[in-house]
């Protein structure tokens, strides 16, 4: 699914590298995980939807890998990179 993003020509050159490298480690971790696991859930603490999805996958005997980045109150900037 392509993501609609702002064209680089509309981003000031002084901040292009900041945007490109913004929590790159998180993006690369998710990308690497996707190559190793068929089903990946990316979520956060305190989110009942993430918990319910993981439970349903487990109940259906579907192996999955869970990556957790913060909560409603923390590490939200990391999730923005995704």
N, C-alpha and C. Protein backbone atom coordinates (compact mmCIF):
# COMPACT_ATOMS: atom_id res chain seq x y z
N UNK A 1 0.85 -1.16 0.00
CA UNK A 1 0.00 0.00 0.00
C UNK A 1 0.90 1.23 0.00
N UNK A 2 0.89 1.99 -1.07
CA UNK A 2 1.72 3.19 -1.09
C UNK A 2 1.20 4.25 -0.11
N UNK A 3 2.14 4.92 0.47
CA UNK A 3 1.80 5.97 1.44
C UNK A 3 1.98 7.33 0.78
N UNK A 4 1.01 8.16 0.87
CA UNK A 4 1.08 9.50 0.29
C UNK A 4 1.92 10.39 1.21
N UNK A 5 3.03 10.87 0.68
CA UNK A 5 3.90 11.72 1.47
C UNK A 5 4.22 13.00 0.70
N UNK A 6 4.68 13.98 1.41
CA UNK A 6 5.04 15.25 0.82
C UNK A 6 6.28 15.07 -0.06
N UNK A 7 6.24 15.62 -1.26
CA UNK A 7 7.35 15.54 -2.18
C UNK A 7 8.57 16.26 -1.60
N UNK A 8 9.75 15.67 -1.81
CA UNK A 8 10.99 16.25 -1.27
C UNK A 8 11.22 17.69 -1.72
N UNK A 9 10.74 18.04 -2.89
CA UNK A 9 10.94 19.41 -3.38
C UNK A 9 10.19 20.44 -2.53
N UNK A 10 9.24 19.97 -1.72
CA UNK A 10 8.49 20.86 -0.85
C UNK A 10 9.02 20.86 0.59
N UNK A 11 10.13 20.19 0.81
CA UNK A 11 10.74 20.13 2.14
C UNK A 11 12.05 20.92 2.09
N UNK A 12 12.24 21.80 3.03
CA UNK A 12 13.44 22.64 3.05
C UNK A 12 14.68 21.76 3.14
N UNK A 13 15.70 22.04 2.31
CA UNK A 13 16.91 21.22 2.31
C UNK A 13 17.57 21.07 3.67
N UNK A 14 17.43 22.07 4.53
CA UNK A 14 18.09 22.02 5.84
C UNK A 14 17.53 20.93 6.74
N UNK A 15 16.32 20.47 6.49
CA UNK A 15 15.73 19.44 7.36
C UNK A 15 15.48 18.12 6.65
N UNK A 16 15.85 18.00 5.38
CA UNK A 16 15.61 16.76 4.65
C UNK A 16 16.31 15.57 5.29
N UNK A 17 17.55 15.74 5.69
CA UNK A 17 18.27 14.61 6.30
C UNK A 17 17.68 14.26 7.66
N UNK A 18 17.21 15.25 8.40
CA UNK A 18 16.57 14.98 9.69
C UNK A 18 15.33 14.11 9.49
N UNK A 19 14.53 14.46 8.50
CA UNK A 19 13.32 13.68 8.23
C UNK A 19 13.69 12.27 7.75
N UNK A 20 14.66 12.19 6.86
CA UNK A 20 15.05 10.89 6.30
C UNK A 20 15.61 9.96 7.37
N UNK A 21 16.28 10.51 8.37
CA UNK A 21 16.91 9.69 9.40
C UNK A 21 16.12 9.62 10.69
N UNK A 22 14.94 10.21 10.72
CA UNK A 22 14.11 10.26 11.93
C UNK A 22 13.75 8.84 12.39
N UNK A 23 14.37 8.43 13.48
CA UNK A 23 14.17 7.09 14.06
C UNK A 23 14.31 5.99 13.00
N UNK A 24 15.33 6.13 12.19
CA UNK A 24 15.62 5.15 11.15
C UNK A 24 15.79 3.76 11.75
N UNK A 25 16.36 3.69 12.96
CA UNK A 25 16.58 2.39 13.60
C UNK A 25 15.26 1.64 13.80
N UNK A 26 14.21 2.36 14.14
CA UNK A 26 12.90 1.72 14.35
C UNK A 26 12.37 1.19 13.02
N UNK A 27 12.45 2.01 11.98
CA UNK A 27 11.97 1.59 10.67
C UNK A 27 12.76 0.37 10.19
N UNK A 28 14.07 0.39 10.36
CA UNK A 28 14.90 -0.73 9.93
C UNK A 28 14.62 -1.98 10.75
N UNK A 29 14.34 -1.82 12.05
CA UNK A 29 14.00 -2.98 12.88
C UNK A 29 12.71 -3.62 12.39
N UNK A 30 11.71 -2.82 12.09
CA UNK A 30 10.44 -3.36 11.59
C UNK A 30 10.66 -4.03 10.23
N UNK A 31 11.42 -3.40 9.35
CA UNK A 31 11.69 -3.98 8.04
C UNK A 31 12.41 -5.32 8.18
N UNK A 32 13.39 -5.40 9.05
CA UNK A 32 14.13 -6.65 9.26
C UNK A 32 13.22 -7.73 9.84
N UNK A 33 12.37 -7.34 10.76
CA UNK A 33 11.44 -8.29 11.38
C UNK A 33 10.48 -8.84 10.34
N UNK A 34 10.04 -8.01 9.42
CA UNK A 34 9.12 -8.46 8.37
C UNK A 34 9.75 -9.49 7.44
N UNK A 35 11.07 -9.47 7.31
CA UNK A 35 11.73 -10.47 6.48
C UNK A 35 11.89 -11.79 7.20
N UNK A 36 11.76 -11.79 8.53
CA UNK A 36 11.98 -12.99 9.33
C UNK A 36 10.70 -13.66 9.80
N UNK A 37 9.59 -12.93 9.78
CA UNK A 37 8.33 -13.46 10.31
C UNK A 37 7.20 -13.17 9.33
N UNK A 38 6.29 -14.13 9.21
CA UNK A 38 5.16 -13.95 8.29
C UNK A 38 4.14 -12.97 8.83
N UNK A 39 3.94 -12.97 10.15
CA UNK A 39 2.95 -12.08 10.77
C UNK A 39 3.66 -11.26 11.84
N UNK A 40 3.56 -9.95 11.71
CA UNK A 40 4.19 -9.05 12.67
C UNK A 40 3.14 -8.06 13.16
N UNK A 41 3.06 -7.91 14.47
CA UNK A 41 2.18 -6.92 15.08
C UNK A 41 3.07 -5.85 15.69
N UNK A 42 2.84 -4.61 15.28
CA UNK A 42 3.58 -3.49 15.84
C UNK A 42 2.60 -2.70 16.69
N UNK A 43 2.92 -2.56 17.98
CA UNK A 43 1.98 -1.90 18.86
C UNK A 43 2.65 -1.13 19.97
N UNK A 44 1.85 -0.88 21.00
CA UNK A 44 2.33 -0.13 22.15
C UNK A 44 1.62 -0.61 23.40
N UNK A 45 2.28 -0.38 24.54
CA UNK A 45 1.67 -0.72 25.83
C UNK A 45 0.35 0.01 25.99
N UNK A 46 -0.51 -0.56 26.77
CA UNK A 46 -1.79 0.03 27.16
C UNK A 46 -2.81 0.07 26.02
N UNK A 47 -2.48 -0.43 24.85
CA UNK A 47 -3.42 -0.39 23.74
C UNK A 47 -4.21 -1.70 23.71
N UNK A 48 -5.50 -1.65 24.02
CA UNK A 48 -6.29 -2.87 24.07
C UNK A 48 -6.43 -3.55 22.71
N UNK A 49 -6.35 -2.80 21.64
CA UNK A 49 -6.46 -3.39 20.31
C UNK A 49 -5.27 -4.30 20.03
N UNK A 50 -4.08 -3.84 20.38
CA UNK A 50 -2.88 -4.66 20.18
C UNK A 50 -2.98 -5.95 20.98
N UNK A 51 -3.42 -5.83 22.21
CA UNK A 51 -3.56 -7.00 23.07
C UNK A 51 -4.59 -7.97 22.49
N UNK A 52 -5.71 -7.46 21.99
CA UNK A 52 -6.76 -8.31 21.43
C UNK A 52 -6.28 -9.01 20.16
N UNK A 53 -5.56 -8.30 19.32
CA UNK A 53 -5.04 -8.90 18.09
C UNK A 53 -4.09 -10.03 18.42
N UNK A 54 -3.19 -9.80 19.35
CA UNK A 54 -2.24 -10.85 19.73
C UNK A 54 -2.95 -12.06 20.31
N UNK A 55 -3.99 -11.83 21.11
CA UNK A 55 -4.75 -12.94 21.69
C UNK A 55 -5.45 -13.73 20.59
N UNK A 56 -6.06 -13.05 19.65
CA UNK A 56 -6.77 -13.74 18.56
C UNK A 56 -5.81 -14.53 17.69
N UNK A 57 -4.65 -13.98 17.42
CA UNK A 57 -3.66 -14.71 16.65
C UNK A 57 -3.21 -15.96 17.41
N UNK A 58 -2.96 -15.82 18.69
CA UNK A 58 -2.55 -16.97 19.51
C UNK A 58 -3.66 -18.01 19.58
N UNK A 59 -4.90 -17.56 19.78
CA UNK A 59 -6.03 -18.48 19.85
C UNK A 59 -6.21 -19.25 18.54
N UNK A 60 -5.86 -18.63 17.42
CA UNK A 60 -5.98 -19.27 16.12
C UNK A 60 -4.71 -20.04 15.75
N UNK A 61 -3.79 -20.16 16.70
CA UNK A 61 -2.51 -20.84 16.49
C UNK A 61 -1.72 -20.25 15.32
N UNK A 62 -1.78 -18.96 15.19
CA UNK A 62 -1.01 -18.26 14.16
C UNK A 62 0.22 -17.66 14.83
N UNK A 63 1.38 -18.16 14.41
CA UNK A 63 2.61 -17.63 14.98
C UNK A 63 2.79 -16.18 14.54
N UNK A 64 3.21 -15.36 15.47
CA UNK A 64 3.41 -13.95 15.17
C UNK A 64 4.52 -13.40 16.05
N UNK A 65 5.03 -12.28 15.61
CA UNK A 65 6.08 -11.59 16.36
C UNK A 65 5.55 -10.22 16.73
N UNK A 66 5.80 -9.81 17.96
CA UNK A 66 5.27 -8.54 18.46
C UNK A 66 6.39 -7.57 18.73
N UNK A 67 6.29 -6.38 18.18
CA UNK A 67 7.21 -5.29 18.47
C UNK A 67 6.43 -4.21 19.19
N UNK A 68 6.99 -3.74 20.29
CA UNK A 68 6.29 -2.75 21.10
C UNK A 68 7.13 -1.49 21.22
N UNK A 69 6.51 -0.37 20.92
CA UNK A 69 7.18 0.92 21.02
C UNK A 69 6.38 1.84 21.91
N UNK A 70 6.78 1.92 23.16
CA UNK A 70 6.21 2.87 24.11
C UNK A 70 4.76 2.64 24.46
N UNK A 71 4.11 3.73 24.83
CA UNK A 71 2.71 3.70 25.25
C UNK A 71 2.04 4.97 24.75
N UNK A 72 0.85 5.21 25.23
CA UNK A 72 0.17 6.45 24.85
C UNK A 72 0.98 7.68 25.28
N UNK A 73 1.78 7.51 26.33
CA UNK A 73 2.49 8.65 26.92
C UNK A 73 3.99 8.67 26.65
N UNK A 74 4.51 7.67 25.97
CA UNK A 74 5.95 7.65 25.75
C UNK A 74 6.28 7.08 24.37
N UNK A 75 7.41 7.46 23.88
CA UNK A 75 7.98 6.97 22.63
C UNK A 75 7.06 7.14 21.42
N UNK A 76 6.13 8.07 21.48
CA UNK A 76 5.23 8.26 20.35
C UNK A 76 5.96 8.78 19.13
N UNK A 77 7.07 9.47 19.35
CA UNK A 77 7.83 9.96 18.19
C UNK A 77 8.44 8.80 17.41
N UNK A 78 8.81 7.74 18.11
CA UNK A 78 9.33 6.56 17.40
C UNK A 78 8.25 5.98 16.49
N UNK A 79 7.05 5.91 17.01
CA UNK A 79 5.96 5.36 16.19
C UNK A 79 5.64 6.26 15.01
N UNK A 80 5.86 7.56 15.15
CA UNK A 80 5.63 8.48 14.03
C UNK A 80 6.49 8.12 12.82
N UNK A 81 7.66 7.58 13.06
CA UNK A 81 8.54 7.21 11.96
C UNK A 81 7.94 6.10 11.11
N UNK A 82 7.06 5.33 11.70
CA UNK A 82 6.43 4.25 10.96
C UNK A 82 5.23 4.76 10.18
